[in-house]
């Protein structure tokens, strides 16, 4: 979807784009979609839509960009999924629909490994993390397997946090002393705020299992409203790490979503 006002403003600069030129399905008046968070519900007649992404990464410049030196789709385009199907016609009214039920936590899992990305070794950690999150009621919307490439990791972290606005991103691998272990540095480079307590708690608990836990360099940070946590590379260590924080972080995720939970006035156990 695109805002009709944004298309009009772009055309006033000489773009001359026709409806559908951006690949959009719907052009809507009265909304600036950039200020509607992921998870917003939109009702248009029988149709119920849920916003899933704000903007998109541009991998190659389209004809519009080549003409104008700019394109509004990467920053203004909004993607949504259909929760209730139906027909939308020209002139139908679209309204915001209040959410009456809790929206499950949305997460992504990223495995970093040169050998696994090259198909030389099976990725067991990523699927194990996905299963664990799913069992906890999280909706894992993306699972990625990439090489130990810090620039690629940064690009995915920014996209998942800024455009998909996920609640949680867990990475596995690349946290050791090896020359290609750059996950912590890439993660820190996209941080808006630090959240060191989670990684400190993981290392403290892991030290009771193996002294090698002190060699883990994993970090935990916040970007926007997204919590990002580095986990070790082995499936066993991932599960042990998740044992430490999985029951605690929903409180933090609720606050990142803008919840009003008062830490000083929690009910007694």
Foldseek 3Di string as FASTA:
>chain_A
DFEPVVVVVVVVVPLPDDPCNVVDDDYDYPDQCLPPDFQWWKDWPQWIKTWQWAFADDPDDDPSCVVVVDDCRRHRNIDIDTPGDDDHDPPTDMDTDDDDDDDAAEEEEEEEAPCCQVVNDPQPQQVLVVVVCVVVVYHYPYYYYYYLDLVVVLVVVCRCCNIRVGAEYEYEALFADDPSSCVQVSVVVQAPFFDAPLLVQLLVQCCVVPVCSVRGRWGWGDHQLYIYTYFYHDNVRRVSSCVRPVVPCVVVSCVSVPHDDDPVDDDDD
